[in-house]
Amino acid sequence: MRASSLPEGVQLKNRPLSGERKIVKKHRLYGNTRALLASWPESGLNEVSVLKLACIVSGHVDFQLGGQSVLCGPGYFLFIPPGMPHPDGSRNIANTSKSTFCEILYFRLLPNALLCWVSRYGGEKNLLSQSGNYLITHAHTIQLFRIMMEETIADPGALDSSEKLLQAFLRLFAREIKEKRYQRVSQRAEKELQGNRFQQSGNFSEDLHAYIQTHLYERPTLEGTARDMYLSRAQFSRRVRAETGKTFVELLNEHRIETAKELLRDSDWTISSIAGFIGYRAPHHFQSLFLQRTGMTPNTYRKQTREIETLS
């Protein structure tokens, strides 16, 4: 970034990275994506392997990107390329000389989906709250976001074309929200997105369903789930059967089919994309199971549900 090319109202200052860069291994986030590449604990920064966008909604920020810090107010967008060190949420990034807090709308590109959420910073607690965590699954919106990010990062000086792409993306995004074409990520999944370990509430059945939904996209196994819920395989299997009347695999497939229904109804993904996203390696196996559970093929289900929505 160069100060001479910045829009009016934006300042740039040097802020060298401090501390040691620590590579993160085997850390997978939503959708089984190895998104977190490295962290800078002393600087309160991290690096991810995906495209990310930050929109300043309110307040003023002191937002570090690499060895520089951007100072700006509401209405500005910060494009974060893969591998660029940026705030990890552990510190207050409000520009306290101008405001006591700030609110940022984040977008993160995932395989076949766009994740968005709002973070609020300020005061002694740094990250005051985080809300939202919605998945946008509409193919055109996702594609436009990817193009916008890649084009802007490739040519940061082309502000006119970047602004047009951004405006087009925001119009599509607003339409998705208005028409409620998004998926709410559960609170359990929100914790998983931040890399926190699964925490139990004390209600086995509730915890089990939450765990499955949170880890659905990672192809959870009986052994791994039992371990994470602090039970042996035999104890876990018996308790699942006793409290739900079903096997672990039956519960897992139920969650997968229900998620598939949402994606068939609300997204334009292909059947193969949906099968892979919910954890099936073979699309034909997913289609066979879907037919067995619902009495119709995925394509027929998609057609019928959309016809019903059109009539209503």
Foldseek 3Di string as FASTA:
>chain_A
DDQVLDDPQKDKDFAAQDADKAADPPQAAALRHQFWGIARVVRQWTFTQWKKKKAWAAAWFQKDWHRMTMTHGHPDMDTHHGGIITHLQQAAGGPVVTDQKTKIWMWTQDVQWIWIWMWIAGDPRGTPDIDFGKIARAPVLNVLVVVLNVVCVVPVNPVVVSVVSVVVSVVVVVVCVVVVLIGTDDPQLVCRNSVHQRDDPPDVVVSLLSVLSNCQSVQDDLCNVCVSVPHHSVVSQVVCCVPPVDGSVVSSLVSLLVVLLSCLQRYPDDLCSSCNSRPHPDSVVNQVVNCVVPVDGSVVSSVVNVVVVVVD
